[in-house]
PDB file of N, CA and C in Angstrom:
ATOM      1  N   MET A   1      17.957   5.514  -5.373  1.00  0.00           N
ATOM      2  CA  MET A   1      17.429   6.626  -4.591  1.00  0.00           C
ATOM      3  C   MET A   1      17.934   5.584  -3.497  1.00  0.00           C
ATOM      4  N   LYS A   2      18.694   6.204  -3.165  1.00  0.00           N
ATOM      5  CA  LYS A   2      19.167   5.731  -1.559  1.00  0.00           C
ATOM      6  C   LYS A   2      18.352   6.143  -0.611  1.00  0.00           C
ATOM      7  N   CYS A   3      17.326   4.981   0.858  1.00  0.00           N
ATOM      8  CA  CYS A   3      17.067   6.008   1.307  1.00  0.00           C
ATOM      9  C   CYS A   3      17.589   6.691   2.660  1.00  0.00           C
ATOM     10  N   LEU A   4      17.398   7.945   2.623  1.00  0.00           N
ATOM     11  CA  LEU A   4      18.374   8.063   4.007  1.00  0.00           C
ATOM     12  C   LEU A   4      17.947   8.359   5.241  1.00  0.00           C
ATOM     13  N   TYR A   5      16.216   8.402   5.494  1.00  0.00           N
ATOM     14  CA  TYR A   5      16.264   8.912   6.816  1.00  0.00           C
ATOM     15  C   TYR A   5      14.631   7.967   6.616  1.00  0.00           C
ATOM     16  N   VAL A   6      13.960   7.779   7.780  1.00  0.00           N
ATOM     17  CA  VAL A   6      12.654   6.946   8.140  1.00  0.00           C
ATOM     18  C   VAL A   6      12.125   7.796   9.487  1.00  0.00           C
ATOM     19  N   GLY A   7      10.611   8.315   9.205  1.00  0.00           N
ATOM     20  CA  GLY A   7      10.654   8.149  10.671  1.00  0.00           C
ATOM     21  C   GLY A   7       8.660   8.272  10.995  1.00  0.00           C
ATOM     22  N   LYS A   8       8.335   9.005  10.920  1.00  0.00           N
ATOM     23  CA  LYS A   8       6.770   8.967  11.844  1.00  0.00           C
ATOM     24  C   LYS A   8       6.452  10.510  12.074  1.00  0.00           C
ATOM     25  N   GLY A   9       5.348  10.827  12.239  1.00  0.00           N
ATOM     26  CA  GLY A   9       5.190  12.108  12.135  1.00  0.00           C
ATOM     27  C   GLY A   9       4.230  12.578  11.544  1.00  0.00           C
ATOM     28  N   HIS A  10       3.484  14.016  11.835  1.00  0.00           N
ATOM     29  CA  HIS A  10       2.906  15.015  10.464  1.00  0.00           C
ATOM     30  C   HIS A  10       3.375  14.941  10.281  1.00  0.00           C
ATOM     31  N   ILE A  11       3.135  14.320   8.256  1.00  0.00           N
ATOM     32  CA  ILE A  11       4.110  14.826   7.567  1.00  0.00           C
ATOM     33  C   ILE A  11       4.615  16.368   7.005  1.00  0.00           C
ATOM     34  N   LYS A  12       3.888  17.264   7.134  1.00  0.00           N
ATOM     35  CA  LYS A  12       3.784  18.364   6.679  1.00  0.00           C
ATOM     36  C   LYS A  12       4.917  18.947   7.588  1.00  0.00           C
ATOM     37  N   ASN A  13       4.935  18.684   9.114  1.00  0.00           N
ATOM     38  CA  ASN A  13       5.670  19.020   9.679  1.00  0.00           C
ATOM     39  C   ASN A  13       7.287  18.571  10.023  1.00  0.00           C
ATOM     40  N   ARG A  14       7.062  17.960   9.402  1.00  0.00           N
ATOM     41  CA  ARG A  14       7.989  16.669   9.680  1.00  0.00           C
ATOM     42  C   ARG A  14       9.499  17.141   8.740  1.00  0.00           C
ATOM     43  N   ILE A  15       8.760  16.865   7.306  1.00  0.00           N
ATOM     44  CA  ILE A  15       9.282  17.451   6.287  1.00  0.00           C
ATOM     45  C   ILE A  15      10.272  19.036   6.904  1.00  0.00           C
ATOM     46  N   THR A  16       9.059  19.812   6.565  1.00  0.00           N
ATOM     47  CA  THR A  16       9.584  21.102   7.040  1.00  0.00           C
ATOM     48  C   THR A  16      10.910  21.352   7.761  1.00  0.00           C
ATOM     49  N   ASN A  17      10.663  20.761   9.164  1.00  0.00           N
ATOM     50  CA  ASN A  17      11.751  20.614  10.284  1.00  0.00           C
ATOM     51  C   ASN A  17      13.334  19.736   9.935  1.00  0.00           C
ATOM     52  N   HIS A  18      12.645  18.516   8.840  1.00  0.00           N
ATOM     53  CA  HIS A  18      14.216  18.191   8.294  1.00  0.00           C
ATOM     54  C   HIS A  18      14.950  18.803   7.562  1.00  0.00           C
ATOM     55  N   PHE A  19      13.845  19.810   6.961  1.00  0.00           N
ATOM     56  CA  PHE A  19      14.747  20.747   5.498  1.00  0.00           C
ATOM     57  C   PHE A  19      15.522  21.458   6.275  1.00  0.00           C
ATOM     58  N   TYR A  20      15.306  22.111   7.504  1.00  0.00           N
ATOM     59  CA  TYR A  20      16.047  22.907   7.747  1.00  0.00           C
ATOM     60  C   TYR A  20      16.879  22.396   9.111  1.00  0.00           C
ATOM     61  N   SER A  21      16.729  21.354   9.719  1.00  0.00           N
ATOM     62  CA  SER A  21      17.642  20.676  10.545  1.00  0.00           C
ATOM     63  C   SER A  21      18.955  19.797  10.340  1.00  0.00           C
ATOM     64  N   LYS A  22      18.509  19.014   9.009  1.00  0.00           N
ATOM     65  CA  LYS A  22      19.382  18.243   8.433  1.00  0.00           C
ATOM     66  C   LYS A  22      20.017  18.713   7.705  1.00  0.00           C
ATOM     67  N   ASP A  23      21.311  18.031   7.315  1.00  0.00           N
ATOM     68  CA  ASP A  23      22.505  18.627   6.180  1.00  0.00           C
ATOM     69  C   ASP A  23      21.992  17.807   4.988  1.00  0.00           C
ATOM     70  N   PHE A  24      21.065  17.728   4.040  1.00  0.00           N
ATOM     71  CA  PHE A  24      21.397  16.930   2.764  1.00  0.00           C
ATOM     72  C   PHE A  24      21.752  17.359   1.317  1.00  0.00           C
ATOM     73  N   SER A  25      22.801  18.329   1.834  1.00  0.00           N
ATOM     74  CA  SER A  25      23.564  18.950   0.982  1.00  0.00           C
ATOM     75  C   SER A  25      24.126  17.738  -0.203  1.00  0.00           C
ATOM     76  N   GLU A  26      24.959  16.968   0.781  1.00  0.00           N
ATOM     77  CA  GLU A  26      25.978  16.440   0.023  1.00  0.00           C
ATOM     78  C   GLU A  26      24.835  15.584  -1.497  1.00  0.00           C
ATOM     79  N   ASN A  27      23.900  15.312  -1.283  1.00  0.00           N
ATOM     80  CA  ASN A  27      23.005  14.497  -1.616  1.00  0.00           C
ATOM     81  C   ASN A  27      22.188  14.827  -3.294  1.00  0.00           C
ATOM     82  N   MET A  28      22.559  16.038  -3.095  1.00  0.00           N
ATOM     83  CA  MET A  28      22.058  16.920  -3.577  1.00  0.00           C
ATOM     84  C   MET A  28      20.694  17.253  -4.156  1.00  0.00           C
ATOM     85  N   LEU A  29      19.887  16.125  -4.833  1.00  0.00           N
ATOM     86  CA  LEU A  29      18.460  15.794  -4.711  1.00  0.00           C
ATOM     87  C   LEU A  29      17.636  15.618  -3.862  1.00  0.00           C
ATOM     88  N   VAL A  30      16.897  15.657  -3.076  1.00  0.00           N
ATOM     89  CA  VAL A  30      15.964  14.755  -1.961  1.00  0.00           C
ATOM     90  C   VAL A  30      14.499  14.614  -2.803  1.00  0.00           C
ATOM     91  N   TYR A  31      14.043  13.670  -2.469  1.00  0.00           N
ATOM     92  CA  TYR A  31      12.617  13.358  -2.625  1.00  0.00           C
ATOM     93  C   TYR A  31      11.734  12.516  -1.291  1.00  0.00           C
ATOM     94  N   PHE A  32      10.810  13.091  -1.092  1.00  0.00           N
ATOM     95  CA  PHE A  32      10.189  12.897  -0.177  1.00  0.00           C
ATOM     96  C   PHE A  32       8.965  12.092  -0.383  1.00  0.00           C
ATOM     97  N   THR A  33       8.948  10.862   0.322  1.00  0.00           N
ATOM     98  CA  THR A  33       7.861   9.792   0.032  1.00  0.00           C
ATOM     99  C   THR A  33       7.184   9.793   1.305  1.00  0.00           C
ATOM    100  N   TYR A  34       5.706   9.142   1.301  1.00  0.00           N
ATOM    101  CA  TYR A  34       4.952   9.158   2.537  1.00  0.00           C
ATOM    102  C   TYR A  34       4.057   7.666   1.953  1.00  0.00           C
ATOM    103  N   TYR A  35       3.530   7.630   3.329  1.00  0.00           N
ATOM    104  CA  TYR A  35       2.690   6.545   3.521  1.00  0.00           C
ATOM    105  C   TYR A  35       1.969   6.442   4.704  1.00  0.00           C
ATOM    106  N   SER A  36       0.342   6.916   4.763  1.00  0.00           N
ATOM    107  CA  SER A  36      -0.365   6.901   5.875  1.00  0.00           C
ATOM    108  C   SER A  36      -0.966   5.753   6.919  1.00  0.00           C
ATOM    109  N   LEU A  37      -0.291   5.121   7.902  1.00  0.00           N
ATOM    110  CA  LEU A  37      -0.490   4.584   8.854  1.00  0.00           C
ATOM    111  C   LEU A  37      -1.021   4.568  10.104  1.00  0.00           C
ATOM    112  N   PRO A  38      -1.571   3.914  11.042  1.00  0.00           N
ATOM    113  CA  PRO A  38      -1.717   4.357  12.375  1.00  0.00           C
ATOM    114  C   PRO A  38      -0.625   4.148  12.970  1.00  0.00           C
ATOM    115  N   ASN A  39      -0.978   4.814  14.070  1.00  0.00           N
ATOM    116  CA  ASN A  39       0.716   5.207  15.179  1.00  0.00           C
ATOM    117  C   ASN A  39       1.226   3.878  15.385  1.00  0.00           C
ATOM    118  N   ARG A  40       0.499   2.648  15.949  1.00  0.00           N
ATOM    119  CA  ARG A  40       1.074   1.804  15.923  1.00  0.00           C
ATOM    120  C   ARG A  40       1.720   0.915  14.884  1.00  0.00           C
ATOM    121  N   LEU A  41       1.154   0.568  13.956  1.00  0.00           N
ATOM    122  CA  LEU A  41       2.228   0.195  12.836  1.00  0.00           C
ATOM    123  C   LEU A  41       2.909   1.447  12.338  1.00  0.00           C
ATOM    124  N   SER A  42       2.699   2.377  12.504  1.00  0.00           N
ATOM    125  CA  SER A  42       4.108   3.200  12.051  1.00  0.00           C
ATOM    126  C   SER A  42       5.559   2.641  12.902  1.00  0.00           C
ATOM    127  N   LYS A  43       4.888   2.747  13.916  1.00  0.00           N
ATOM    128  CA  LYS A  43       6.440   2.498  15.099  1.00  0.00           C
ATOM    129  C   LYS A  43       6.882   0.923  14.660  1.00  0.00           C
ATOM    130  N   TYR A  44       5.876   0.221  14.300  1.00  0.00           N
ATOM    131  CA  TYR A  44       6.921  -0.974  14.143  1.00  0.00           C
ATOM    132  C   TYR A  44       7.046  -1.338  12.605  1.00  0.00           C
ATOM    133  N   TYR A  45       7.017  -0.872  12.203  1.00  0.00           N
ATOM    134  CA  TYR A  45       7.298  -0.227  10.275  1.00  0.00           C
ATOM    135  C   TYR A  45       8.629   0.656  10.339  1.00  0.00           C
ATOM    136  N   GLU A  46       8.944   1.224  11.209  1.00  0.00           N
ATOM    137  CA  GLU A  46       9.888   1.906  11.387  1.00  0.00           C
ATOM    138  C   GLU A  46      10.872   1.169  11.847  1.00  0.00           C
ATOM    139  N   GLN A  47      10.954   0.606  13.068  1.00  0.00           N
ATOM    140  CA  GLN A  47      11.624  -0.487  13.695  1.00  0.00           C
ATOM    141  C   GLN A  47      12.567  -1.434  12.829  1.00  0.00           C
ATOM    142  N   LEU A  48      11.336  -1.922  12.135  1.00  0.00           N
ATOM    143  CA  LEU A  48      11.536  -3.094  11.806  1.00  0.00           C
ATOM    144  C   LEU A  48      12.586  -2.833  10.487  1.00  0.00           C
ATOM    145  N   ILE A  49      12.420  -1.486   9.588  1.00  0.00           N
ATOM    146  CA  ILE A  49      13.207  -0.927   8.788  1.00  0.00           C
ATOM    147  C   ILE A  49      14.596  -0.591   9.168  1.00  0.00           C
ATOM    148  N   LEU A  50      14.777  -0.344  10.449  1.00  0.00           N
ATOM    149  CA  LEU A  50      15.618   0.359  10.868  1.00  0.00           C
ATOM    150  C   LEU A  50      16.657  -0.909  11.111  1.00  0.00           C
ATOM    151  N   ASP A  51      15.626  -2.043  11.352  1.00  0.00           N
ATOM    152  CA  ASP A  51      16.560  -3.334  12.449  1.00  0.00           C
ATOM    153  C   ASP A  51      17.150  -3.794  11.211  1.00  0.00           C
ATOM    154  N   ILE A  52      16.924  -4.202   9.730  1.00  0.00           N
ATOM    155  CA  ILE A  52      17.427  -4.627   8.495  1.00  0.00           C
ATOM    156  C   ILE A  52      18.481  -3.505   7.784  1.00  0.00           C
ATOM    157  N   PHE A  53      17.680  -2.593   7.560  1.00  0.00           N
ATOM    158  CA  PHE A  53      18.908  -1.702   6.608  1.00  0.00           C
ATOM    159  C   PHE A  53      19.391  -0.429   7.195  1.00  0.00           C
ATOM    160  N   ASN A  54      20.525  -0.356   6.533  1.00  0.00           N
ATOM    161  CA  ASN A  54      21.481   1.185   7.231  1.00  0.00           C
ATOM    162  C   ASN A  54      21.005   2.536   6.780  1.00  0.00           C
ATOM    163  N   ILE A  55      20.409   2.825   7.568  1.00  0.00           N
ATOM    164  CA  ILE A  55      19.481   4.589   6.849  1.00  0.00           C
ATOM    165  C   ILE A  55      20.600   5.696   7.345  1.00  0.00           C
ATOM    166  N   PRO A  56      21.287   6.383   6.890  1.00  0.00           N
ATOM    167  CA  PRO A  56      22.238   7.296   7.050  1.00  0.00           C
ATOM    168  C   PRO A  56      21.880   8.128   8.528  1.00  0.00           C
ATOM    169  N   PHE A  57      20.574   8.674   7.954  1.00  0.00           N
ATOM    170  CA  PHE A  57      20.213  10.052   8.880  1.00  0.00           C
ATOM    171  C   PHE A  57      19.491   9.040  10.571  1.00  0.00           C
ATOM    172  N   ASN A  58      19.326   8.287  10.696  1.00  0.00           N
ATOM    173  CA  ASN A  58      18.577   7.290  11.807  1.00  0.00           C
ATOM    174  C   ASN A  58      19.845   6.874  12.148  1.00  0.00           C
ATOM    175  N   LYS A  59      20.414   7.581  12.979  1.00  0.00           N
ATOM    176  CA  LYS A  59      21.871   7.375  13.495  1.00  0.00           C
ATOM    177  C   LYS A  59      21.828   6.576  14.897  1.00  0.00           C
ATOM    178  N   SER A  60      20.729   7.200  15.759  1.00  0.00           N
ATOM    179  CA  SER A  60      20.803   6.497  17.121  1.00  0.00           C
ATOM    180  C   SER A  60      20.140   4.537  17.191  1.00  0.00           C
ATOM    181  N   GLU A  61      19.378   4.535  16.563  1.00  0.00           N
ATOM    182  CA  GLU A  61      18.233   3.643  16.232  1.00  0.00           C
ATOM    183  C   GLU A  61      18.674   2.558  15.423  1.00  0.00           C
ATOM    184  N   ASN A  62      19.765   2.897  14.223  1.00  0.00           N
ATOM    185  CA  ASN A  62      20.003   2.766  13.412  1.00  0.00           C
ATOM    186  C   ASN A  62      20.908   1.111  13.425  1.00  0.00           C
ATOM    187  N   LYS A  63      20.312  -0.216  13.320  1.00  0.00           N
ATOM    188  CA  LYS A  63      21.439  -1.534  13.654  1.00  0.00           C
ATOM    189  C   LYS A  63      21.792  -2.057  12.267  1.00  0.00           C
ATOM    190  N   GLY A  64      20.820  -1.439  11.137  1.00  0.00           N
ATOM    191  CA  GLY A  64      20.996  -2.292  10.067  1.00  0.00           C
ATOM    192  C   GLY A  64      22.139  -2.276   9.048  1.00  0.00           C
ATOM    193  N   LEU A  65      22.132  -3.572   7.972  1.00  0.00           N
ATOM    194  CA  LEU A  65      23.156  -3.007   7.343  1.00  0.00           C
ATOM    195  C   LEU A  65      22.783  -3.317   5.699  1.00  0.00           C
ATOM    196  N   SER A  66      21.999  -3.418   5.608  1.00  0.00           N
ATOM    197  CA  SER A  66      22.183  -3.644   4.096  1.00  0.00           C
ATOM    198  C   SER A  66      21.179  -2.291   3.256  1.00  0.00           C
ATOM    199  N   ASN A  67      21.872  -1.607   2.270  1.00  0.00           N
ATOM    200  CA  ASN A  67      20.948  -0.279   1.854  1.00  0.00           C
ATOM    201  C   ASN A  67      19.371  -0.493   0.828  1.00  0.00           C
ATOM    202  N   LEU A  68      19.196   0.485   1.420  1.00  0.00           N
ATOM    203  CA  LEU A  68      17.422   0.408   0.904  1.00  0.00           C
ATOM    204  C   LEU A  68      17.380   1.353  -0.372  1.00  0.00           C
ATOM    205  N   CYS A  69      17.055   0.923  -1.121  1.00  0.00           N
ATOM    206  CA  CYS A  69      17.264   1.764  -2.706  1.00  0.00           C
ATOM    207  C   CYS A  69      16.034   2.023  -3.304  1.00  0.00           C
ATOM    208  N   MET A  70      15.688   2.551  -4.616  1.00  0.00           N
ATOM    209  CA  MET A  70      14.946   2.562  -5.353  1.00  0.00           C
ATOM    210  C   MET A  70      15.497   3.341  -7.087  1.00  0.00           C
ATOM    211  N   TYR A  71      15.094   1.854  -7.648  1.00  0.00           N
ATOM    212  CA  TYR A  71      16.220   2.430  -8.515  1.00  0.00           C
ATOM    213  C   TYR A  71      14.994   3.356 -10.115  1.00  0.00           C
ATOM    214  N   PHE A  72      15.293   4.516 -10.266  1.00  0.00           N
ATOM    215  CA  PHE A  72      14.579   5.501 -11.728  1.00  0.00           C
ATOM    216  C   PHE A  72      14.927   6.159 -12.320  1.00  0.00           C
ATOM    217  N   THR A  73      14.148   5.847 -13.574  1.00  0.00           N
ATOM    218  CA  THR A  73      15.086   6.316 -14.765  1.00  0.00           C
ATOM    219  C   THR A  73      14.992   7.860 -14.728  1.00  0.00           C
ATOM    220  N   GLN A  74      15.509   8.400 -15.618  1.00  0.00           N
ATOM    221  CA  GLN A  74      15.518  10.105 -15.598  1.00  0.00           C
ATOM    222  C   GLN A  74      13.898  10.216 -15.736  1.00  0.00           C
ATOM    223  N   ASN A  75      13.188   9.747 -17.236  1.00  0.00           N
ATOM    224  CA  ASN A  75      11.969   9.975 -17.517  1.00  0.00           C
ATOM    225  C   ASN A  75      10.920   9.700 -16.231  1.00  0.00           C
ATOM    226  N   GLU A  76      11.561   8.688 -15.659  1.00  0.00           N
ATOM    227  CA  GLU A  76       9.680   8.167 -14.546  1.00  0.00           C
ATOM    228  C   GLU A  76      10.118   9.290 -13.276  1.00  0.00           C
ATOM    229  N   VAL A  77      11.424   9.803 -12.730  1.00  0.00           N
ATOM    230  CA  VAL A  77      11.468  10.663 -12.303  1.00  0.00           C
ATOM    231  C   VAL A  77      11.122  11.798 -12.892  1.00  0.00           C
ATOM    232  N   ASP A  78      11.115  12.250 -13.863  1.00  0.00           N
ATOM    233  CA  ASP A  78      10.223  13.873 -14.634  1.00  0.00           C
ATOM    234  C   ASP A  78       9.247  13.793 -14.343  1.00  0.00           C
ATOM    235  N   TRP A  79       8.342  12.558 -14.546  1.00  0.00           N
ATOM    236  CA  TRP A  79       7.376  12.435 -15.368  1.00  0.00           C
ATOM    237  C   TRP A  79       6.492  12.818 -14.062  1.00  0.00           C
ATOM    238  N   LYS A  80       7.088  11.808 -12.921  1.00  0.00           N
ATOM    239  CA  LYS A  80       6.016  12.394 -11.427  1.00  0.00           C
ATOM    240  C   LYS A  80       6.424  13.526 -10.939  1.00  0.00           C
ATOM    241  N   TRP A  81       7.493  14.321 -11.134  1.00  0.00           N
ATOM    242  CA  TRP A  81       7.528  15.338 -10.787  1.00  0.00           C
ATOM    243  C   TRP A  81       6.149  16.357 -11.699  1.00  0.00           C
ATOM    244  N   GLU A  82       6.394  16.359 -13.084  1.00  0.00           N
ATOM    245  CA  GLU A  82       5.272  16.993 -13.856  1.00  0.00           C
ATOM    246  C   GLU A  82       3.767  16.414 -13.501  1.00  0.00           C
ATOM    247  N   ALA A  83       3.517  15.157 -13.327  1.00  0.00           N
ATOM    248  CA  ALA A  83       2.184  15.075 -12.679  1.00  0.00           C
ATOM    249  C   ALA A  83       2.219  15.859 -11.472  1.00  0.00           C
ATOM    250  N   LEU A  84       2.801  15.984 -10.302  1.00  0.00           N
ATOM    251  CA  LEU A  84       2.639  16.305  -9.100  1.00  0.00           C
ATOM    252  C   LEU A  84       2.564  18.094  -8.999  1.00  0.00           C
ATOM    253  N   LYS A  85       3.108  18.592  -9.871  1.00  0.00           N
ATOM    254  CA  LYS A  85       3.173  20.005 -10.536  1.00  0.00           C
ATOM    255  C   LYS A  85       1.432  20.615 -11.131  1.00  0.00           C
ATOM    256  N   ALA A  86       1.228  19.217 -11.966  1.00  0.00           N
ATOM    257  CA  ALA A  86      -0.451  19.526 -12.488  1.00  0.00           C
ATOM    258  C   ALA A  86      -1.042  19.159 -11.612  1.00  0.00           C
ATOM    259  N   ASN A  87      -1.102  18.774 -10.006  1.00  0.00           N
ATOM    260  CA  ASN A  87      -2.276  18.595  -9.325  1.00  0.00           C
ATOM    261  C   ASN A  87      -1.749  19.501  -7.974  1.00  0.00           C
TER     262      ASN A  87
END
């Protein structure tokens, strides 16, 4: 899975807004993850990620060149989805 976007804000509103305003159709399935941080730290980490990695949907601030990826087996993805549905 390749990281497509990094950002900060209220997670539910942010995901809803991006669902309607960004075209992820070429990427087939899109998974969202988040980590809660105080605002000042989230600004720092967001900029650090953008300075190192090429994140396609962060066009204006993106200076990085490396890809940020995570590799999952199909079984891991299915297990996480089943665990989420159970909660």
